[in-house]
PDB file of all heavy atoms in Angstrom:
ATOM      1  N   TRP A   1      16.693 -19.844 -25.070  1.00  0.00           N
ATOM      2  CA  TRP A   1      16.073 -18.983 -26.075  1.00  0.00           C
ATOM      3  C   TRP A   1      14.715 -19.535 -26.477  1.00  0.00           C
ATOM      4  O   TRP A   1      13.738 -18.792 -26.595  1.00  0.00           O
ATOM      5  CB  TRP A   1      16.980 -18.867 -27.296  1.00  0.00           C
ATOM      6  CG  TRP A   1      16.448 -17.916 -28.317  1.00  0.00           C
ATOM      7  CD1 TRP A   1      16.616 -16.566 -28.352  1.00  0.00           C
ATOM      8  CD2 TRP A   1      15.631 -18.243 -29.448  1.00  0.00           C
ATOM      9  NE1 TRP A   1      15.962 -16.040 -29.433  1.00  0.00           N
ATOM     10  CE2 TRP A   1      15.349 -17.037 -30.131  1.00  0.00           C
ATOM     11  CE3 TRP A   1      15.125 -19.435 -29.947  1.00  0.00           C
ATOM     12  CZ2 TRP A   1      14.580 -17.000 -31.279  1.00  0.00           C
ATOM     13  CZ3 TRP A   1      14.355 -19.386 -31.098  1.00  0.00           C
ATOM     14  CH2 TRP A   1      14.091 -18.182 -31.745  1.00  0.00           C
ATOM     15  N   ILE A   2      14.616 -20.836 -26.673  1.00  0.00           N
ATOM     16  CA  ILE A   2      13.342 -21.464 -27.050  1.00  0.00           C
ATOM     17  C   ILE A   2      12.319 -21.276 -25.935  1.00  0.00           C
ATOM     18  O   ILE A   2      11.165 -20.909 -26.184  1.00  0.00           O
ATOM     19  CB  ILE A   2      13.548 -22.952 -27.378  1.00  0.00           C
ATOM     20  CG1 ILE A   2      14.338 -23.094 -28.683  1.00  0.00           C
ATOM     21  CG2 ILE A   2      12.224 -23.690 -27.475  1.00  0.00           C
ATOM     22  CD1 ILE A   2      14.810 -24.496 -28.977  1.00  0.00           C
ATOM     23  N   ALA A   3      12.730 -21.500 -24.697  1.00  0.00           N
ATOM     24  CA  ALA A   3      11.810 -21.341 -23.564  1.00  0.00           C
ATOM     25  C   ALA A   3      11.363 -19.885 -23.432  1.00  0.00           C
ATOM     26  O   ALA A   3      10.185 -19.599 -23.174  1.00  0.00           O
ATOM     27  CB  ALA A   3      12.480 -21.811 -22.281  1.00  0.00           C
ATOM     28  N   GLY A   4      12.287 -18.953 -23.629  1.00  0.00           N
ATOM     29  CA  GLY A   4      11.940 -17.533 -23.514  1.00  0.00           C
ATOM     30  C   GLY A   4      10.958 -17.077 -24.574  1.00  0.00           C
ATOM     31  O   GLY A   4       9.991 -16.377 -24.275  1.00  0.00           O
ATOM     32  N   THR A   5      11.197 -17.464 -25.816  1.00  0.00           N
ATOM     33  CA  THR A   5      10.281 -17.040 -26.876  1.00  0.00           C
ATOM     34  C   THR A   5       8.927 -17.734 -26.743  1.00  0.00           C
ATOM     35  O   THR A   5       7.887 -17.121 -27.010  1.00  0.00           O
ATOM     36  CB  THR A   5      10.869 -17.329 -28.265  1.00  0.00           C
ATOM     37  OG1 THR A   5      11.324 -18.678 -28.316  1.00  0.00           O
ATOM     38  CG2 THR A   5      12.005 -16.398 -28.585  1.00  0.00           C
ATOM     39  N   THR A   6       8.924 -18.979 -26.305  1.00  0.00           N
ATOM     40  CA  THR A   6       7.653 -19.668 -26.072  1.00  0.00           C
ATOM     41  C   THR A   6       6.864 -18.967 -24.986  1.00  0.00           C
ATOM     42  O   THR A   6       5.648 -18.775 -25.098  1.00  0.00           O
ATOM     43  CB  THR A   6       7.902 -21.134 -25.692  1.00  0.00           C
ATOM     44  OG1 THR A   6       8.631 -21.765 -26.744  1.00  0.00           O
ATOM     45  CG2 THR A   6       6.601 -21.873 -25.468  1.00  0.00           C
ATOM     46  N   PHE A   7       7.555 -18.553 -23.921  1.00  0.00           N
ATOM     47  CA  PHE A   7       6.895 -17.829 -22.840  1.00  0.00           C
ATOM     48  C   PHE A   7       6.301 -16.526 -23.357  1.00  0.00           C
ATOM     49  O   PHE A   7       5.161 -16.187 -23.046  1.00  0.00           O
ATOM     50  CB  PHE A   7       7.908 -17.550 -21.720  1.00  0.00           C
ATOM     51  CG  PHE A   7       7.344 -16.794 -20.564  1.00  0.00           C
ATOM     52  CD1 PHE A   7       6.577 -17.434 -19.615  1.00  0.00           C
ATOM     53  CD2 PHE A   7       7.581 -15.434 -20.433  1.00  0.00           C
ATOM     54  CE1 PHE A   7       6.047 -16.740 -18.538  1.00  0.00           C
ATOM     55  CE2 PHE A   7       7.059 -14.724 -19.362  1.00  0.00           C
ATOM     56  CZ  PHE A   7       6.290 -15.377 -18.421  1.00  0.00           C
ATOM     57  N   LEU A   8       7.060 -15.802 -24.175  1.00  0.00           N
ATOM     58  CA  LEU A   8       6.558 -14.526 -24.696  1.00  0.00           C
ATOM     59  C   LEU A   8       5.362 -14.719 -25.613  1.00  0.00           C
ATOM     60  O   LEU A   8       4.409 -13.940 -25.580  1.00  0.00           O
ATOM     61  CB  LEU A   8       7.672 -13.796 -25.459  1.00  0.00           C
ATOM     62  CG  LEU A   8       8.763 -13.172 -24.602  1.00  0.00           C
ATOM     63  CD1 LEU A   8       9.865 -12.603 -25.483  1.00  0.00           C
ATOM     64  CD2 LEU A   8       8.193 -12.090 -23.716  1.00  0.00           C
ATOM     65  N   VAL A   9       5.372 -15.761 -26.418  1.00  0.00           N
ATOM     66  CA  VAL A   9       4.301 -15.957 -27.390  1.00  0.00           C
ATOM     67  C   VAL A   9       3.042 -16.523 -26.746  1.00  0.00           C
ATOM     68  O   VAL A   9       1.925 -16.130 -27.084  1.00  0.00           O
ATOM     69  CB  VAL A   9       4.785 -16.869 -28.536  1.00  0.00           C
ATOM     70  CG1 VAL A   9       3.655 -17.312 -29.424  1.00  0.00           C
ATOM     71  CG2 VAL A   9       5.853 -16.147 -29.353  1.00  0.00           C
ATOM     72  N   LEU A  10       3.192 -17.447 -25.793  1.00  0.00           N
ATOM     73  CA  LEU A  10       2.029 -18.139 -25.240  1.00  0.00           C
ATOM     74  C   LEU A  10       1.575 -17.606 -23.886  1.00  0.00           C
ATOM     75  O   LEU A  10       0.371 -17.474 -23.643  1.00  0.00           O
ATOM     76  CB  LEU A  10       2.331 -19.637 -25.114  1.00  0.00           C
ATOM     77  CG  LEU A  10       2.635 -20.373 -26.415  1.00  0.00           C
ATOM     78  CD1 LEU A  10       2.995 -21.810 -26.133  1.00  0.00           C
ATOM     79  CD2 LEU A  10       1.454 -20.289 -27.355  1.00  0.00           C
ATOM     80  N   VAL A  11       2.479 -17.310 -22.992  1.00  0.00           N
ATOM     81  CA  VAL A  11       2.107 -17.008 -21.611  1.00  0.00           C
ATOM     82  C   VAL A  11       1.816 -15.529 -21.395  1.00  0.00           C
ATOM     83  O   VAL A  11       0.874 -15.187 -20.685  1.00  0.00           O
ATOM     84  CB  VAL A  11       3.197 -17.512 -20.640  1.00  0.00           C
ATOM     85  CG1 VAL A  11       2.866 -17.176 -19.204  1.00  0.00           C
ATOM     86  CG2 VAL A  11       3.383 -19.018 -20.793  1.00  0.00           C
ATOM     87  N   VAL A  12       2.583 -14.639 -21.988  1.00  0.00           N
ATOM     88  CA  VAL A  12       2.373 -13.206 -21.769  1.00  0.00           C
ATOM     89  C   VAL A  12       0.988 -12.759 -22.242  1.00  0.00           C
ATOM     90  O   VAL A  12       0.294 -12.036 -21.509  1.00  0.00           O
ATOM     91  CB  VAL A  12       3.506 -12.377 -22.416  1.00  0.00           C
ATOM     92  CG1 VAL A  12       3.188 -10.896 -22.409  1.00  0.00           C
ATOM     93  CG2 VAL A  12       4.817 -12.638 -21.691  1.00  0.00           C
ATOM     94  N   PRO A  13       0.499 -13.162 -23.410  1.00  0.00           N
ATOM     95  CA  PRO A  13      -0.874 -12.778 -23.764  1.00  0.00           C
ATOM     96  C   PRO A  13      -1.921 -13.327 -22.780  1.00  0.00           C
ATOM     97  O   PRO A  13      -2.915 -12.659 -22.490  1.00  0.00           O
ATOM     98  CB  PRO A  13      -1.074 -13.387 -25.153  1.00  0.00           C
ATOM     99  CG  PRO A  13       0.291 -13.498 -25.713  1.00  0.00           C
ATOM    100  CD  PRO A  13       1.161 -13.806 -24.550  1.00  0.00           C
ATOM    101  N   LEU A  14      -1.694 -14.529 -22.264  1.00  0.00           N
ATOM    102  CA  LEU A  14      -2.603 -15.087 -21.269  1.00  0.00           C
ATOM    103  C   LEU A  14      -2.616 -14.242 -20.002  1.00  0.00           C
ATOM    104  O   LEU A  14      -3.687 -13.950 -19.444  1.00  0.00           O
ATOM    105  CB  LEU A  14      -2.198 -16.527 -20.940  1.00  0.00           C
ATOM    106  CG  LEU A  14      -3.026 -17.233 -19.878  1.00  0.00           C
ATOM    107  CD1 LEU A  14      -4.453 -17.425 -20.361  1.00  0.00           C
ATOM    108  CD2 LEU A  14      -2.385 -18.553 -19.521  1.00  0.00           C
ATOM    109  N   ILE A  15      -1.454 -13.805 -19.561  1.00  0.00           N
ATOM    110  CA  ILE A  15      -1.366 -12.955 -18.365  1.00  0.00           C
ATOM    111  C   ILE A  15      -2.072 -11.626 -18.609  1.00  0.00           C
ATOM    112  O   ILE A  15      -2.800 -11.127 -17.746  1.00  0.00           O
ATOM    113  CB  ILE A  15       0.110 -12.745 -17.969  1.00  0.00           C
ATOM    114  CG1 ILE A  15       0.711 -14.052 -17.479  1.00  0.00           C
ATOM    115  CG2 ILE A  15       0.250 -11.669 -16.911  1.00  0.00           C
ATOM    116  CD1 ILE A  15       2.205 -14.003 -17.255  1.00  0.00           C
ATOM    117  N   ILE A  16      -1.887 -11.045 -19.790  1.00  0.00           N
ATOM    118  CA  ILE A  16      -2.545  -9.773 -20.111  1.00  0.00           C
ATOM    119  C   ILE A  16      -4.062  -9.947 -20.117  1.00  0.00           C
ATOM    120  O   ILE A  16      -4.803  -9.112 -19.576  1.00  0.00           O
ATOM    121  CB  ILE A  16      -2.035  -9.239 -21.465  1.00  0.00           C
ATOM    122  CG1 ILE A  16      -0.566  -8.827 -21.335  1.00  0.00           C
ATOM    123  CG2 ILE A  16      -2.882  -8.074 -21.958  1.00  0.00           C
ATOM    124  CD1 ILE A  16       0.097  -8.494 -22.655  1.00  0.00           C
ATOM    125  N   GLU A  17      -4.544 -11.029 -20.711  1.00  0.00           N
ATOM    126  CA  GLU A  17      -5.989 -11.272 -20.758  1.00  0.00           C
ATOM    127  C   GLU A  17      -6.557 -11.501 -19.358  1.00  0.00           C
ATOM    128  O   GLU A  17      -7.649 -11.023 -19.033  1.00  0.00           O
ATOM    129  CB  GLU A  17      -6.290 -12.466 -21.661  1.00  0.00           C
ATOM    130  CG  GLU A  17      -7.759 -12.698 -21.917  1.00  0.00           C
ATOM    131  CD  GLU A  17      -8.458 -11.513 -22.555  1.00  0.00           C
ATOM    132  OE1 GLU A  17      -7.832 -10.802 -23.364  1.00  0.00           O
ATOM    133  OE2 GLU A  17      -9.647 -11.301 -22.235  1.00  0.00           O
ATOM    134  N   MET A  18      -5.840 -12.230 -18.527  1.00  0.00           N
ATOM    135  CA  MET A  18      -6.305 -12.447 -17.145  1.00  0.00           C
ATOM    136  C   MET A  18      -6.350 -11.128 -16.375  1.00  0.00           C
ATOM    137  O   MET A  18      -7.278 -10.893 -15.577  1.00  0.00           O
ATOM    138  CB  MET A  18      -5.391 -13.446 -16.431  1.00  0.00           C
ATOM    139  CG  MET A  18      -5.541 -14.865 -16.948  1.00  0.00           C
ATOM    140  SD  MET A  18      -4.335 -16.019 -16.290  1.00  0.00           S
ATOM    141  CE  MET A  18      -4.617 -15.921 -14.561  1.00  0.00           C
ATOM    142  N   ASP A  19      -5.393 -10.235 -16.617  1.00  0.00           N
ATOM    143  CA  ASP A  19      -5.391  -8.924 -15.963  1.00  0.00           C
ATOM    144  C   ASP A  19      -6.585  -8.091 -16.429  1.00  0.00           C
ATOM    145  O   ASP A  19      -7.247  -7.425 -15.620  1.00  0.00           O
ATOM    146  CB  ASP A  19      -4.073  -8.205 -16.264  1.00  0.00           C
ATOM    147  CG  ASP A  19      -3.944  -6.914 -15.485  1.00  0.00           C
ATOM    148  OD1 ASP A  19      -4.232  -6.932 -14.272  1.00  0.00           O
ATOM    149  OD2 ASP A  19      -3.543  -5.897 -16.094  1.00  0.00           O
ATOM    150  N   ARG A  20      -6.871  -8.124 -17.730  1.00  0.00           N
ATOM    151  CA  ARG A  20      -8.047  -7.398 -18.244  1.00  0.00           C
ATOM    152  C   ARG A  20      -9.338  -7.920 -17.605  1.00  0.00           C
ATOM    153  O   ARG A  20     -10.230  -7.153 -17.257  1.00  0.00           O
ATOM    154  CB  ARG A  20      -8.143  -7.551 -19.754  1.00  0.00           C
ATOM    155  CG  ARG A  20      -7.186  -6.707 -20.521  1.00  0.00           C
ATOM    156  CD  ARG A  20      -7.408  -6.872 -22.004  1.00  0.00           C
ATOM    157  NE  ARG A  20      -6.401  -6.163 -22.771  1.00  0.00           N
ATOM    158  CZ  ARG A  20      -6.165  -6.365 -24.050  1.00  0.00           C
ATOM    159  NH1 ARG A  20      -6.865  -7.270 -24.713  1.00  0.00           N
ATOM    160  NH2 ARG A  20      -5.239  -5.681 -24.676  1.00  0.00           N
ATOM    161  N   GLU A  21      -9.443  -9.243 -17.495  1.00  0.00           N
ATOM    162  CA  GLU A  21     -10.636  -9.843 -16.884  1.00  0.00           C
ATOM    163  C   GLU A  21     -10.783  -9.409 -15.432  1.00  0.00           C
ATOM    164  O   GLU A  21     -11.881  -9.099 -14.973  1.00  0.00           O
ATOM    165  CB  GLU A  21     -10.537 -11.367 -16.989  1.00  0.00           C
ATOM    166  CG  GLU A  21     -11.762 -12.110 -16.503  1.00  0.00           C
ATOM    167  CD  GLU A  21     -12.959 -11.930 -17.415  1.00  0.00           C
ATOM    168  OE1 GLU A  21     -12.781 -11.682 -18.609  1.00  0.00           O
ATOM    169  OE2 GLU A  21     -14.101 -12.035 -16.898  1.00  0.00           O
ATOM    170  N   GLN A  22      -9.674  -9.371 -14.716  1.00  0.00           N
ATOM    171  CA  GLN A  22      -9.706  -8.943 -13.313  1.00  0.00           C
ATOM    172  C   GLN A  22     -10.140  -7.479 -13.209  1.00  0.00           C
ATOM    173  O   GLN A  22     -10.939  -7.130 -12.340  1.00  0.00           O
ATOM    174  CB  GLN A  22      -8.315  -9.135 -12.680  1.00  0.00           C
ATOM    175  CG  GLN A  22      -8.226  -8.709 -11.238  1.00  0.00           C
ATOM    176  CD  GLN A  22      -9.050  -9.587 -10.322  1.00  0.00           C
ATOM    177  OE1 GLN A  22      -9.245 -10.759 -10.591  1.00  0.00           O
ATOM    178  NE2 GLN A  22      -9.555  -9.014  -9.255  1.00  0.00           N
ATOM    179  N   GLN A  23      -9.611  -6.632 -14.084  1.00  0.00           N
ATOM    180  CA  GLN A  23     -10.014  -5.223 -14.060  1.00  0.00           C
ATOM    181  C   GLN A  23     -11.494  -5.064 -14.388  1.00  0.00           C
ATOM    182  O   GLN A  23     -12.185  -4.233 -13.781  1.00  0.00           O
ATOM    183  CB  GLN A  23      -9.165  -4.423 -15.048  1.00  0.00           C
ATOM    184  CG  GLN A  23      -7.736  -4.221 -14.612  1.00  0.00           C
ATOM    185  CD  GLN A  23      -6.922  -3.487 -15.663  1.00  0.00           C
ATOM    186  OE1 GLN A  23      -7.401  -3.191 -16.762  1.00  0.00           O
ATOM    187  NE2 GLN A  23      -5.667  -3.193 -15.322  1.00  0.00           N
ATOM    188  N   LEU A  24     -12.003  -5.862 -15.330  1.00  0.00           N
ATOM    189  CA  LEU A  24     -13.416  -5.800 -15.691  1.00  0.00           C
ATOM    190  C   LEU A  24     -14.292  -6.229 -14.510  1.00  0.00           C
ATOM    191  O   LEU A  24     -15.319  -5.582 -14.220  1.00  0.00           O
ATOM    192  CB  LEU A  24     -13.683  -6.684 -16.907  1.00  0.00           C
ATOM    193  CG  LEU A  24     -15.117  -6.684 -17.437  1.00  0.00           C
ATOM    194  CD1 LEU A  24     -15.507  -5.298 -17.918  1.00  0.00           C
ATOM    195  CD2 LEU A  24     -15.263  -7.696 -18.548  1.00  0.00           C
ATOM    196  N   ASN A  25     -13.875  -7.281 -13.808  1.00  0.00           N
ATOM    197  CA  ASN A  25     -14.637  -7.727 -12.638  1.00  0.00           C
ATOM    198  C   ASN A  25     -14.644  -6.667 -11.541  1.00  0.00           C
ATOM    199  O   ASN A  25     -15.683  -6.428 -10.903  1.00  0.00           O
ATOM    200  CB  ASN A  25     -14.054  -9.032 -12.091  1.00  0.00           C
ATOM    201  CG  ASN A  25     -14.349 -10.209 -12.987  1.00  0.00           C
ATOM    202  OD1 ASN A  25     -15.269 -10.164 -13.808  1.00  0.00           O
ATOM    203  ND2 ASN A  25     -13.558 -11.269 -12.849  1.00  0.00           N
ATOM    204  N   GLU A  26     -13.508  -6.027 -11.316  1.00  0.00           N
ATOM    205  CA  GLU A  26     -13.451  -4.967 -10.298  1.00  0.00           C
ATOM    206  C   GLU A  26     -14.333  -3.787 -10.695  1.00  0.00           C
ATOM    207  O   GLU A  26     -15.004  -3.189  -9.846  1.00  0.00           O
ATOM    208  CB  GLU A  26     -12.009  -4.510 -10.091  1.00  0.00           C
ATOM    209  CG  GLU A  26     -11.133  -5.529  -9.387  1.00  0.00           C
ATOM    210  CD  GLU A  26      -9.673  -5.096  -9.320  1.00  0.00           C
ATOM    211  OE1 GLU A  26      -9.337  -4.000  -9.812  1.00  0.00           O
ATOM    212  OE2 GLU A  26      -8.872  -5.883  -8.776  1.00  0.00           O
ATOM    213  N   LEU A  27     -14.356  -3.453 -11.973  1.00  0.00           N
ATOM    214  CA  LEU A  27     -15.198  -2.358 -12.448  1.00  0.00           C
ATOM    215  C   LEU A  27     -16.678  -2.685 -12.264  1.00  0.00           C
ATOM    216  O   LEU A  27     -17.468  -1.839 -11.823  1.00  0.00           O
ATOM    217  CB  LEU A  27     -14.892  -2.072 -13.923  1.00  0.00           C
ATOM    218  CG  LEU A  27     -15.672  -0.922 -14.557  1.00  0.00           C
ATOM    219  CD1 LEU A  27     -15.316   0.398 -13.888  1.00  0.00           C
ATOM    220  CD2 LEU A  27     -15.403  -0.866 -16.047  1.00  0.00           C
ATOM    221  N   GLU A  28     -17.057  -3.916 -12.566  1.00  0.00           N
ATOM    222  CA  GLU A  28     -18.454  -4.324 -12.369  1.00  0.00           C
ATOM    223  C   GLU A  28     -18.835  -4.275 -10.896  1.00  0.00           C
ATOM    224  O   GLU A  28     -19.945  -3.854 -10.547  1.00  0.00           O
ATOM    225  CB  GLU A  28     -18.676  -5.725 -12.933  1.00  0.00           C
ATOM    226  CG  GLU A  28     -18.686  -5.771 -14.451  1.00  0.00           C
ATOM    227  CD  GLU A  28     -18.825  -7.190 -14.986  1.00  0.00           C
ATOM    228  OE1 GLU A  28     -18.835  -8.142 -14.171  1.00  0.00           O
ATOM    229  OE2 GLU A  28     -18.924  -7.332 -16.207  1.00  0.00           O
ATOM    230  N   LEU A  29     -17.939  -4.728 -10.021  1.00  0.00           N
ATOM    231  CA  LEU A  29     -18.224  -4.666  -8.582  1.00  0.00           C
ATOM    232  C   LEU A  29     -18.357  -3.225  -8.113  1.00  0.00           C
ATOM    233  O   LEU A  29     -19.240  -2.901  -7.299  1.00  0.00           O
ATOM    234  CB  LEU A  29     -17.105  -5.362  -7.786  1.00  0.00           C
ATOM    235  CG  LEU A  29     -17.102  -6.888  -7.804  1.00  0.00           C
ATOM    236  CD1 LEU A  29     -15.865  -7.422  -7.114  1.00  0.00           C
ATOM    237  CD2 LEU A  29     -18.353  -7.410  -7.121  1.00  0.00           C
ATOM    238  N   GLN A  30     -17.521  -2.346  -8.618  1.00  0.00           N
ATOM    239  CA  GLN A  30     -17.595  -0.935  -8.225  1.00  0.00           C
ATOM    240  C   GLN A  30     -18.892  -0.304  -8.716  1.00  0.00           C
ATOM    241  O   GLN A  30     -19.561   0.429  -7.982  1.00  0.00           O
ATOM    242  CB  GLN A  30     -16.389  -0.192  -8.797  1.00  0.00           C
ATOM    243  CG  GLN A  30     -16.279   1.246  -8.345  1.00  0.00           C
ATOM    244  CD  GLN A  30     -15.075   1.941  -8.952  1.00  0.00           C
ATOM    245  OE1 GLN A  30     -14.517   1.477  -9.936  1.00  0.00           O
ATOM    246  NE2 GLN A  30     -14.690   3.057  -8.360  1.00  0.00           N
ATOM    247  N   GLN A  31     -19.293  -0.613  -9.949  1.00  0.00           N
ATOM    248  CA  GLN A  31     -20.544  -0.058 -10.469  1.00  0.00           C
ATOM    249  C   GLN A  31     -21.741  -0.611  -9.699  1.00  0.00           C
ATOM    250  O   GLN A  31     -22.701   0.115  -9.413  1.00  0.00           O
ATOM    251  CB  GLN A  31     -20.687  -0.383 -11.948  1.00  0.00           C
ATOM    252  CG  GLN A  31     -19.780   0.432 -12.845  1.00  0.00           C
ATOM    253  CD  GLN A  31     -19.885   0.029 -14.298  1.00  0.00           C
ATOM    254  OE1 GLN A  31     -20.504  -0.977 -14.629  1.00  0.00           O
ATOM    255  NE2 GLN A  31     -19.267   0.824 -15.173  1.00  0.00           N
ATOM    256  N   ALA A  32     -21.696  -1.889  -9.351  1.00  0.00           N
ATOM    257  CA  ALA A  32     -22.799  -2.487  -8.606  1.00  0.00           C
ATOM    258  C   ALA A  32     -22.915  -1.874  -7.223  1.00  0.00           C
ATOM    259  O   ALA A  32     -24.025  -1.646  -6.720  1.00  0.00           O
ATOM    260  CB  ALA A  32     -22.600  -3.995  -8.497  1.00  0.00           C
ATOM    261  N   SER A  33     -21.805  -1.577  -6.588  1.00  0.00           N
ATOM    262  CA  SER A  33     -21.867  -0.981  -5.253  1.00  0.00           C
ATOM    263  C   SER A  33     -22.365   0.460  -5.328  1.00  0.00           C
ATOM    264  O   SER A  33     -23.044   0.939  -4.421  1.00  0.00           O
ATOM    265  CB  SER A  33     -20.500  -1.037  -4.565  1.00  0.00           C
ATOM    266  OG  SER A  33     -19.578  -0.201  -5.232  1.00  0.00           O
ATOM    267  N   LEU A  34     -22.070   1.174  -6.408  1.00  0.00           N
ATOM    268  CA  LEU A  34     -22.554   2.537  -6.561  1.00  0.00           C
ATOM    269  C   LEU A  34     -24.054   2.562  -6.840  1.00  0.00           C
ATOM    270  O   LEU A  34     -24.769   3.464  -6.385  1.00  0.00           O
ATOM    271  CB  LEU A  34     -21.809   3.247  -7.691  1.00  0.00           C
ATOM    272  CG  LEU A  34     -20.353   3.625  -7.423  1.00  0.00           C
ATOM    273  CD1 LEU A  34     -19.716   4.196  -8.682  1.00  0.00           C
ATOM    274  CD2 LEU A  34     -20.257   4.618  -6.286  1.00  0.00           C
ATOM    275  N   LEU A  35     -24.547   1.566  -7.578  1.00  0.00           N
ATOM    276  CA  LEU A  35     -25.967   1.517  -7.903  1.00  0.00           C
ATOM    277  C   LEU A  35     -26.791   0.908  -6.784  1.00  0.00           C
ATOM    278  O   LEU A  35     -28.023   0.996  -6.806  1.00  0.00           O
ATOM    279  CB  LEU A  35     -26.182   0.720  -9.196  1.00  0.00           C
ATOM    280  CG  LEU A  35     -25.575   1.341 -10.469  1.00  0.00           C
ATOM    281  CD1 LEU A  35     -25.745   0.401 -11.638  1.00  0.00           C
ATOM    282  CD2 LEU A  35     -26.228   2.683 -10.757  1.00  0.00           C
ATOM    283  N   GLY A  36     -26.145   0.259  -5.834  1.00  0.00           N
ATOM    284  CA  GLY A  36     -26.856  -0.315  -4.698  1.00  0.00           C
ATOM    285  C   GLY A  36     -27.355  -1.706  -4.905  1.00  0.00           C
ATOM    286  O   GLY A  36     -28.071  -2.252  -4.075  1.00  0.00           O
ATOM    287  N   THR A  37     -27.008  -2.343  -6.006  1.00  0.00           N
ATOM    288  CA  THR A  37     -27.449  -3.709  -6.225  1.00  0.00           C
ATOM    289  C   THR A  37     -26.399  -4.654  -5.661  1.00  0.00           C
ATOM    290  O   THR A  37     -25.204  -4.368  -5.671  1.00  0.00           O
ATOM    291  CB  THR A  37     -27.630  -4.009  -7.723  1.00  0.00           C
ATOM    292  OG1 THR A  37     -26.394  -3.777  -8.394  1.00  0.00           O
ATOM    293  CG2 THR A  37     -28.704  -3.128  -8.320  1.00  0.00           C
ATOM    294  N   PRO A  38     -26.836  -5.816  -5.135  1.00  0.00           N
ATOM    295  CA  PRO A  38     -25.843  -6.743  -4.614  1.00  0.00           C
ATOM    296  C   PRO A  38     -24.999  -7.322  -5.742  1.00  0.00           C
ATOM    297  O   PRO A  38     -25.513  -7.564  -6.837  1.00  0.00           O
ATOM    298  CB  PRO A  38     -26.692  -7.833  -3.937  1.00  0.00           C
ATOM    299  CG  PRO A  38     -28.022  -7.736  -4.568  1.00  0.00           C
ATOM    300  CD  PRO A  38     -28.199  -6.295  -4.995  1.00  0.00           C
ATOM    301  N   PRO A  39     -23.683  -7.495  -5.513  1.00  0.00           N
ATOM    302  CA  PRO A  39     -22.829  -8.037  -6.576  1.00  0.00           C
ATOM    303  C   PRO A  39     -23.228  -9.463  -6.929  1.00  0.00           C
ATOM    304  O   PRO A  39     -23.701 -10.214  -6.096  1.00  0.00           O
ATOM    305  CB  PRO A  39     -21.424  -8.001  -5.984  1.00  0.00           C
ATOM    306  CG  PRO A  39     -21.558  -7.471  -4.594  1.00  0.00           C
ATOM    307  CD  PRO A  39     -22.977  -7.193  -4.311  1.00  0.00           C
ATOM    308  N   VAL A  40     -23.052  -9.809  -8.180  1.00  0.00           N
ATOM    309  CA  VAL A  40     -23.393 -11.132  -8.667  1.00  0.00           C
ATOM    310  C   VAL A  40     -22.407 -12.148  -8.113  1.00  0.00           C
ATOM    311  O   VAL A  40     -21.206 -11.940  -8.128  1.00  0.00           O
ATOM    312  CB  VAL A  40     -23.365 -11.156 -10.203  1.00  0.00           C
ATOM    313  CG1 VAL A  40     -23.690 -12.543 -10.736  1.00  0.00           C
ATOM    314  CG2 VAL A  40     -24.325 -10.113 -10.765  1.00  0.00           C
ATOM    315  N   GLY A  41     -22.930 -13.254  -7.587  1.00  0.00           N
ATOM    316  CA  GLY A  41     -22.061 -14.306  -7.078  1.00  0.00           C
ATOM    317  C   GLY A  41     -21.727 -14.153  -5.609  1.00  0.00           C
ATOM    318  O   GLY A  41     -21.019 -14.992  -5.071  1.00  0.00           O
TER     319      GLY A  41
END
């Protein structure tokens, strides 16, 4: 129970934030390819 609640409180928000960051990066790459500019990095 302690391990499960710790996982929910600490790890799940981290996973959600990492997923948001990944979606933002994919969106930036898609916009850059539509505008014709080379992607950053």
